[in-house]
All heavy atoms as atom14 arrays in JSON, in Angstrom:
{
  "sequence": "VEVRVMSAHRTPDLAAEFSKNAKAEGFGVIIAAAGKA",
  "atom14_mask": [
    [1, 1, 1, 1, 1, 1, 1, 0, 0, 0, 0, 0, 0, 0],
    [1, 1, 1, 1, 1, 1, 1, 1, 1, 0, 0, 0, 0, 0],
    [1, 1, 1, 1, 1, 1, 1, 0, 0, 0, 0, 0, 0, 0],
    [1, 1, 1, 1, 1, 1, 1, 1, 1, 1, 1, 0, 0, 0],
    [1, 1, 1, 1, 1, 1, 1, 0, 0, 0, 0, 0, 0, 0],
    [1, 1, 1, 1, 1, 1, 1, 1, 0, 0, 0, 0, 0, 0],
    [1, 1, 1, 1, 1, 1, 0, 0, 0, 0, 0, 0, 0, 0],
    [1, 1, 1, 1, 1, 0, 0, 0, 0, 0, 0, 0, 0, 0],
    [1, 1, 1, 1, 1, 1, 1, 1, 1, 1, 0, 0, 0, 0],
    [1, 1, 1, 1, 1, 1, 1, 1, 1, 1, 1, 0, 0, 0],
    [1, 1, 1, 1, 1, 1, 1, 0, 0, 0, 0, 0, 0, 0],
    [1, 1, 1, 1, 1, 1, 1, 0, 0, 0, 0, 0, 0, 0],
    [1, 1, 1, 1, 1, 1, 1, 1, 0, 0, 0, 0, 0, 0],
    [1, 1, 1, 1, 1, 1, 1, 1, 0, 0, 0, 0, 0, 0],
    [1, 1, 1, 1, 1, 0, 0, 0, 0, 0, 0, 0, 0, 0],
    [1, 1, 1, 1, 1, 0, 0, 0, 0, 0, 0, 0, 0, 0],
    [1, 1, 1, 1, 1, 1, 1, 1, 1, 0, 0, 0, 0, 0],
    [1, 1, 1, 1, 1, 1, 1, 1, 1, 1, 1, 0, 0, 0],
    [1, 1, 1, 1, 1, 1, 0, 0, 0, 0, 0, 0, 0, 0],
    [1, 1, 1, 1, 1, 1, 1, 1, 1, 0, 0, 0, 0, 0],
    [1, 1, 1, 1, 1, 1, 1, 1, 0, 0, 0, 0, 0, 0],
    [1, 1, 1, 1, 1, 0, 0, 0, 0, 0, 0, 0, 0, 0],
    [1, 1, 1, 1, 1, 1, 1, 1, 1, 0, 0, 0, 0, 0],
    [1, 1, 1, 1, 1, 0, 0, 0, 0, 0, 0, 0, 0, 0],
    [1, 1, 1, 1, 1, 1, 1, 1, 1, 0, 0, 0, 0, 0],
    [1, 1, 1, 1, 0, 0, 0, 0, 0, 0, 0, 0, 0, 0],
    [1, 1, 1, 1, 1, 1, 1, 1, 1, 1, 1, 0, 0, 0],
    [1, 1, 1, 1, 0, 0, 0, 0, 0, 0, 0, 0, 0, 0],
    [1, 1, 1, 1, 1, 1, 1, 0, 0, 0, 0, 0, 0, 0],
    [1, 1, 1, 1, 1, 1, 1, 1, 0, 0, 0, 0, 0, 0],
    [1, 1, 1, 1, 1, 1, 1, 1, 0, 0, 0, 0, 0, 0],
    [1, 1, 1, 1, 1, 0, 0, 0, 0, 0, 0, 0, 0, 0],
    [1, 1, 1, 1, 1, 0, 0, 0, 0, 0, 0, 0, 0, 0],
    [1, 1, 1, 1, 1, 0, 0, 0, 0, 0, 0, 0, 0, 0],
    [1, 1, 1, 1, 0, 0, 0, 0, 0, 0, 0, 0, 0, 0],
    [1, 1, 1, 1, 1, 1, 1, 1, 1, 0, 0, 0, 0, 0],
    [1, 1, 1, 1, 1, 0, 0, 0, 0, 0, 0, 0, 0, 0]
  ],
  "atom14_positions": [
    [[58.37, 37.08, 41.27], [57.28, 36.57, 41.95], [56.99, 37.43, 43.23], [58.04, 37.88, 43.86], [57.31, 35.11, 42.35], [58.52, 34.85, 43.23], [56.1, 34.62, 43.08], [0.0, 0.0, 0.0], [0.0, 0.0, 0.0], [0.0, 0.0, 0.0], [0.0, 0.0, 0.0], [0.0, 0.0, 0.0], [0.0, 0.0, 0.0], [0.0, 0.0, 0.0]],
    [[55.81, 37.88, 43.49], [55.45, 38.52, 44.6], [54.39, 37.72, 45.41], [53.49, 37.17, 44.84], [54.85, 39.99, 44.36], [55.92, 40.88, 43.75], [55.38, 42.3, 43.56], [54.32, 42.66, 44.18], [55.96, 43.02, 42.73], [0.0, 0.0, 0.0], [0.0, 0.0, 0.0], [0.0, 0.0, 0.0], [0.0, 0.0, 0.0], [0.0, 0.0, 0.0]],
    [[54.59, 37.52, 46.71], [53.8, 36.74, 47.51], [53.07, 37.67, 48.63], [53.69, 38.47, 49.25], [54.52, 35.66, 48.3], [53.56, 34.79, 49.17], [55.46, 34.88, 47.37], [0.0, 0.0, 0.0], [0.0, 0.0, 0.0], [0.0, 0.0, 0.0], [0.0, 0.0, 0.0], [0.0, 0.0, 0.0], [0.0, 0.0, 0.0], [0.0, 0.0, 0.0]],
    [[51.76, 37.49, 48.66], [50.91, 38.39, 49.58], [49.79, 37.62, 50.2], [49.43, 36.56, 49.75], [50.34, 39.51, 48.72], [51.34, 40.37, 48.11], [50.7, 41.51, 47.39], [51.67, 42.25, 46.57], [51.44, 43.34, 45.89], [50.23, 43.9, 45.97], [52.38, 43.96, 45.26], [0.0, 0.0, 0.0], [0.0, 0.0, 0.0], [0.0, 0.0, 0.0]],
    [[49.36, 38.13, 51.34], [48.21, 37.56, 52.06], [47.05, 38.5, 51.88], [47.08, 39.65, 52.09], [48.42, 37.31, 53.48], [47.27, 36.86, 54.32], [49.6, 36.46, 53.8], [0.0, 0.0, 0.0], [0.0, 0.0, 0.0], [0.0, 0.0, 0.0], [0.0, 0.0, 0.0], [0.0, 0.0, 0.0], [0.0, 0.0, 0.0], [0.0, 0.0, 0.0]],
    [[45.88, 38.0, 51.38], [44.62, 38.64, 51.19], [43.55, 37.59, 51.33], [43.7, 36.52, 51.02], [44.48, 39.19, 49.83], [45.64, 40.09, 49.37], [45.24, 40.69, 47.63], [46.95, 41.49, 47.58], [0.0, 0.0, 0.0], [0.0, 0.0, 0.0], [0.0, 0.0, 0.0], [0.0, 0.0, 0.0], [0.0, 0.0, 0.0], [0.0, 0.0, 0.0]],
    [[42.5, 37.99, 51.9], [41.34, 37.16, 52.1], [40.21, 37.58, 51.34], [39.77, 38.74, 51.27], [40.98, 37.12, 53.57], [39.86, 36.42, 53.87], [0.0, 0.0, 0.0], [0.0, 0.0, 0.0], [0.0, 0.0, 0.0], [0.0, 0.0, 0.0], [0.0, 0.0, 0.0], [0.0, 0.0, 0.0], [0.0, 0.0, 0.0], [0.0, 0.0, 0.0]],
    [[39.53, 36.61, 50.68], [38.28, 36.8, 49.92], [37.1, 37.36, 50.96], [36.33, 38.14, 50.49], [37.78, 35.6, 49.19], [0.0, 0.0, 0.0], [0.0, 0.0, 0.0], [0.0, 0.0, 0.0], [0.0, 0.0, 0.0], [0.0, 0.0, 0.0], [0.0, 0.0, 0.0], [0.0, 0.0, 0.0], [0.0, 0.0, 0.0], [0.0, 0.0, 0.0]],
    [[37.25, 36.91, 52.26], [36.19, 37.24, 53.09], [36.59, 38.29, 54.1], [35.7, 39.13, 54.47], [35.78, 35.94, 53.81], [35.33, 34.91, 52.88], [36.22, 33.81, 52.59], [34.32, 34.69, 52.04], [35.56, 32.97, 51.8], [34.42, 33.54, 51.42], [0.0, 0.0, 0.0], [0.0, 0.0, 0.0], [0.0, 0.0, 0.0], [0.0, 0.0, 0.0]],
    [[37.81, 38.33, 54.54], [38.2, 39.34, 55.55], [38.74, 40.6, 54.96], [38.69, 41.67, 55.53], [39.28, 38.71, 56.42], [38.68, 37.58, 57.4], [39.6, 36.95, 58.28], [40.69, 36.31, 57.55], [40.63, 34.98, 57.3], [39.56, 34.17, 57.52], [41.69, 34.3, 56.65], [0.0, 0.0, 0.0], [0.0, 0.0, 0.0], [0.0, 0.0, 0.0]],
    [[39.29, 40.51, 53.66], [39.82, 41.81, 53.05], [39.38, 41.73, 51.65], [40.16, 41.87, 50.62], [41.37, 41.83, 53.11], [41.91, 40.68, 52.47], [41.78, 41.96, 54.56], [0.0, 0.0, 0.0], [0.0, 0.0, 0.0], [0.0, 0.0, 0.0], [0.0, 0.0, 0.0], [0.0, 0.0, 0.0], [0.0, 0.0, 0.0], [0.0, 0.0, 0.0]],
    [[37.95, 41.65, 51.28], [37.58, 41.64, 49.91], [37.92, 42.85, 49.09], [38.17, 42.77, 47.81], [36.05, 41.37, 50.08], [35.63, 42.01, 51.43], [36.9, 41.69, 52.27], [0.0, 0.0, 0.0], [0.0, 0.0, 0.0], [0.0, 0.0, 0.0], [0.0, 0.0, 0.0], [0.0, 0.0, 0.0], [0.0, 0.0, 0.0], [0.0, 0.0, 0.0]],
    [[37.9, 44.09, 49.73], [38.22, 45.15, 49.0], [39.79, 45.32, 48.66], [39.97, 45.64, 47.37], [37.97, 46.51, 49.84], [36.39, 46.62, 50.01], [35.56, 46.11, 49.25], [36.03, 47.43, 51.01], [0.0, 0.0, 0.0], [0.0, 0.0, 0.0], [0.0, 0.0, 0.0], [0.0, 0.0, 0.0], [0.0, 0.0, 0.0], [0.0, 0.0, 0.0]],
    [[40.57, 44.84, 49.49], [42.03, 44.76, 49.14], [42.22, 43.7, 47.99], [43.0, 44.03, 47.05], [42.74, 44.3, 50.38], [44.23, 44.16, 50.23], [44.94, 45.41, 49.93], [44.9, 43.51, 51.51], [0.0, 0.0, 0.0], [0.0, 0.0, 0.0], [0.0, 0.0, 0.0], [0.0, 0.0, 0.0], [0.0, 0.0, 0.0], [0.0, 0.0, 0.0]],
    [[41.57, 42.58, 48.11], [41.77, 41.57, 47.07], [41.27, 42.06, 45.66], [41.87, 41.97, 44.62], [40.97, 40.25, 47.45], [0.0, 0.0, 0.0], [0.0, 0.0, 0.0], [0.0, 0.0, 0.0], [0.0, 0.0, 0.0], [0.0, 0.0, 0.0], [0.0, 0.0, 0.0], [0.0, 0.0, 0.0], [0.0, 0.0, 0.0], [0.0, 0.0, 0.0]],
    [[40.07, 42.76, 45.66], [39.54, 43.31, 44.44], [40.48, 44.42, 43.8], [40.68, 44.35, 42.6], [38.09, 43.78, 44.73], [0.0, 0.0, 0.0], [0.0, 0.0, 0.0], [0.0, 0.0, 0.0], [0.0, 0.0, 0.0], [0.0, 0.0, 0.0], [0.0, 0.0, 0.0], [0.0, 0.0, 0.0], [0.0, 0.0, 0.0], [0.0, 0.0, 0.0]],
    [[41.0, 45.23, 44.75], [41.8, 46.37, 44.33], [43.1, 45.86, 43.76], [43.55, 46.26, 42.65], [42.12, 47.23, 45.43], [42.79, 48.61, 45.11], [41.98, 49.46, 44.19], [40.73, 49.45, 44.17], [42.5, 50.3, 43.43], [0.0, 0.0, 0.0], [0.0, 0.0, 0.0], [0.0, 0.0, 0.0], [0.0, 0.0, 0.0], [0.0, 0.0, 0.0]],
    [[43.71, 44.81, 44.4], [44.9, 44.21, 43.85], [44.7, 43.63, 42.49], [45.45, 43.93, 41.57], [45.41, 43.17, 44.81], [46.55, 42.35, 44.11], [47.93, 42.85, 44.19], [46.4, 41.22, 43.51], [48.93, 42.2, 43.64], [47.38, 40.49, 42.83], [48.74, 41.01, 42.96], [0.0, 0.0, 0.0], [0.0, 0.0, 0.0], [0.0, 0.0, 0.0]],
    [[43.63, 42.91, 42.32], [43.32, 42.16, 41.15], [43.0, 43.14, 39.97], [43.54, 43.0, 38.83], [42.16, 41.25, 41.29], [42.0, 40.41, 40.13], [0.0, 0.0, 0.0], [0.0, 0.0, 0.0], [0.0, 0.0, 0.0], [0.0, 0.0, 0.0], [0.0, 0.0, 0.0], [0.0, 0.0, 0.0], [0.0, 0.0, 0.0], [0.0, 0.0, 0.0]],
    [[42.35, 44.23, 40.22], [41.98, 45.31, 39.26], [43.23, 45.87, 38.67], [43.32, 46.24, 37.53], [41.2, 46.35, 39.87], [39.71, 45.99, 40.08], [38.87, 47.19, 40.76], [37.62, 46.7, 41.21], [36.88, 47.81, 41.93], [0.0, 0.0, 0.0], [0.0, 0.0, 0.0], [0.0, 0.0, 0.0], [0.0, 0.0, 0.0], [0.0, 0.0, 0.0]],
    [[44.28, 46.1, 39.53], [45.48, 46.72, 39.1], [46.57, 45.75, 38.73], [47.66, 46.31, 38.42], [45.98, 47.63, 40.28], [44.93, 48.75, 40.53], [44.44, 49.36, 39.64], [44.67, 48.9, 41.78], [0.0, 0.0, 0.0], [0.0, 0.0, 0.0], [0.0, 0.0, 0.0], [0.0, 0.0, 0.0], [0.0, 0.0, 0.0], [0.0, 0.0, 0.0]],
    [[46.49, 44.59, 38.88], [47.56, 43.54, 38.64], [48.2, 43.63, 37.34], [49.41, 43.68, 37.23], [47.18, 42.16, 38.92], [0.0, 0.0, 0.0], [0.0, 0.0, 0.0], [0.0, 0.0, 0.0], [0.0, 0.0, 0.0], [0.0, 0.0, 0.0], [0.0, 0.0, 0.0], [0.0, 0.0, 0.0], [0.0, 0.0, 0.0], [0.0, 0.0, 0.0]],
    [[47.46, 43.8, 36.27], [47.94, 43.84, 34.95], [48.81, 45.11, 34.67], [49.9, 45.09, 34.21], [46.81, 43.85, 33.92], [47.26, 43.69, 32.35], [46.13, 43.47, 31.47], [46.6, 43.21, 30.13], [45.39, 43.05, 29.18], [0.0, 0.0, 0.0], [0.0, 0.0, 0.0], [0.0, 0.0, 0.0], [0.0, 0.0, 0.0], [0.0, 0.0, 0.0]],
    [[48.34, 46.27, 35.13], [49.05, 47.54, 35.14], [50.31, 47.51, 35.87], [51.32, 48.13, 35.73], [48.17, 48.62, 35.52], [0.0, 0.0, 0.0], [0.0, 0.0, 0.0], [0.0, 0.0, 0.0], [0.0, 0.0, 0.0], [0.0, 0.0, 0.0], [0.0, 0.0, 0.0], [0.0, 0.0, 0.0], [0.0, 0.0, 0.0], [0.0, 0.0, 0.0]],
    [[50.25, 46.64, 37.0], [51.49, 46.5, 37.86], [52.49, 45.59, 37.26], [53.52, 45.22, 37.94], [51.1, 46.1, 39.25], [50.23, 47.23, 39.91], [51.01, 48.41, 40.35], [52.19, 48.28, 40.6], [50.44, 49.5, 40.34], [0.0, 0.0, 0.0], [0.0, 0.0, 0.0], [0.0, 0.0, 0.0], [0.0, 0.0, 0.0], [0.0, 0.0, 0.0]],
    [[52.27, 45.02, 36.04], [53.28, 44.16, 35.48], [53.11, 42.56, 35.7], [53.98, 41.83, 35.41], [0.0, 0.0, 0.0], [0.0, 0.0, 0.0], [0.0, 0.0, 0.0], [0.0, 0.0, 0.0], [0.0, 0.0, 0.0], [0.0, 0.0, 0.0], [0.0, 0.0, 0.0], [0.0, 0.0, 0.0], [0.0, 0.0, 0.0], [0.0, 0.0, 0.0]],
    [[51.92, 42.24, 36.28], [51.71, 40.79, 36.41], [51.22, 40.12, 35.22], [50.44, 40.85, 34.51], [50.79, 40.65, 37.69], [51.36, 40.92, 39.04], [51.03, 42.16, 39.57], [52.18, 40.07, 39.71], [51.61, 42.6, 40.86], [52.78, 40.49, 40.89], [52.5, 41.69, 41.48], [0.0, 0.0, 0.0], [0.0, 0.0, 0.0], [0.0, 0.0, 0.0]],
    [[51.5, 38.98, 35.09], [50.97, 38.2, 33.83], [50.07, 37.07, 34.33], [49.25, 36.6, 33.46], [0.0, 0.0, 0.0], [0.0, 0.0, 0.0], [0.0, 0.0, 0.0], [0.0, 0.0, 0.0], [0.0, 0.0, 0.0], [0.0, 0.0, 0.0], [0.0, 0.0, 0.0], [0.0, 0.0, 0.0], [0.0, 0.0, 0.0], [0.0, 0.0, 0.0]],
    [[50.1, 36.57, 35.55], [49.42, 35.42, 36.01], [49.2, 35.71, 37.54], [50.23, 36.14, 38.26], [50.09, 34.07, 35.85], [49.23, 32.92, 36.37], [50.34, 33.84, 34.3], [0.0, 0.0, 0.0], [0.0, 0.0, 0.0], [0.0, 0.0, 0.0], [0.0, 0.0, 0.0], [0.0, 0.0, 0.0], [0.0, 0.0, 0.0], [0.0, 0.0, 0.0]],
    [[48.14, 35.22, 38.06], [47.86, 35.28, 39.54], [47.65, 33.81, 40.0], [46.81, 33.15, 39.34], [46.65, 36.21, 39.88], [46.78, 37.56, 39.43], [46.37, 36.08, 41.32], [45.6, 38.48, 39.53], [0.0, 0.0, 0.0], [0.0, 0.0, 0.0], [0.0, 0.0, 0.0], [0.0, 0.0, 0.0], [0.0, 0.0, 0.0], [0.0, 0.0, 0.0]],
    [[48.31, 33.43, 41.03], [48.02, 32.2, 41.6], [47.45, 32.49, 43.04], [47.84, 33.34, 43.74], [49.41, 31.39, 41.89], [50.09, 31.02, 40.51], [49.13, 30.17, 42.75], [51.41, 30.39, 40.59], [0.0, 0.0, 0.0], [0.0, 0.0, 0.0], [0.0, 0.0, 0.0], [0.0, 0.0, 0.0], [0.0, 0.0, 0.0], [0.0, 0.0, 0.0]],
    [[46.2, 31.8, 43.25], [45.59, 31.96, 44.51], [45.47, 30.77, 45.26], [44.9, 29.72, 44.77], [44.1, 32.56, 44.16], [0.0, 0.0, 0.0], [0.0, 0.0, 0.0], [0.0, 0.0, 0.0], [0.0, 0.0, 0.0], [0.0, 0.0, 0.0], [0.0, 0.0, 0.0], [0.0, 0.0, 0.0], [0.0, 0.0, 0.0], [0.0, 0.0, 0.0]],
    [[45.97, 30.66, 46.53], [45.91, 29.59, 47.37], [44.93, 29.79, 48.55], [45.17, 30.77, 49.21], [47.21, 29.17, 47.87], [0.0, 0.0, 0.0], [0.0, 0.0, 0.0], [0.0, 0.0, 0.0], [0.0, 0.0, 0.0], [0.0, 0.0, 0.0], [0.0, 0.0, 0.0], [0.0, 0.0, 0.0], [0.0, 0.0, 0.0], [0.0, 0.0, 0.0]],
    [[43.98, 28.96, 48.63], [43.01, 29.11, 49.79], [42.41, 27.84, 50.2], [42.23, 26.87, 49.33], [41.91, 30.09, 49.41], [0.0, 0.0, 0.0], [0.0, 0.0, 0.0], [0.0, 0.0, 0.0], [0.0, 0.0, 0.0], [0.0, 0.0, 0.0], [0.0, 0.0, 0.0], [0.0, 0.0, 0.0], [0.0, 0.0, 0.0], [0.0, 0.0, 0.0]],
    [[42.09, 27.64, 51.43], [41.44, 26.47, 51.92], [39.99, 26.8, 52.38], [39.42, 27.91, 52.14], [0.0, 0.0, 0.0], [0.0, 0.0, 0.0], [0.0, 0.0, 0.0], [0.0, 0.0, 0.0], [0.0, 0.0, 0.0], [0.0, 0.0, 0.0], [0.0, 0.0, 0.0], [0.0, 0.0, 0.0], [0.0, 0.0, 0.0], [0.0, 0.0, 0.0]],
    [[39.27, 25.7, 52.76], [37.92, 25.76, 53.28], [37.04, 26.32, 52.12], [36.93, 25.78, 51.07], [37.75, 26.5, 54.51], [38.54, 25.76, 55.67], [38.22, 26.4, 56.95], [39.14, 25.54, 57.96], [38.88, 25.84, 59.32], [0.0, 0.0, 0.0], [0.0, 0.0, 0.0], [0.0, 0.0, 0.0], [0.0, 0.0, 0.0], [0.0, 0.0, 0.0]],
    [[36.39, 27.46, 52.31], [35.48, 28.04, 51.35], [36.25, 28.36, 49.97], [35.65, 28.27, 48.93], [34.69, 29.24, 51.92], [0.0, 0.0, 0.0], [0.0, 0.0, 0.0], [0.0, 0.0, 0.0], [0.0, 0.0, 0.0], [0.0, 0.0, 0.0], [0.0, 0.0, 0.0], [0.0, 0.0, 0.0], [0.0, 0.0, 0.0], [0.0, 0.0, 0.0]]
  ]
}
């Protein structure tokens, strides 16, 4: 498991880039925890 902080609103490019590459990086599932919006 790898745990990271990314924001849909404050770091949208970082979140998109991570997600685009997650499968190639060996991830099988992504868990996303967020409050408010």
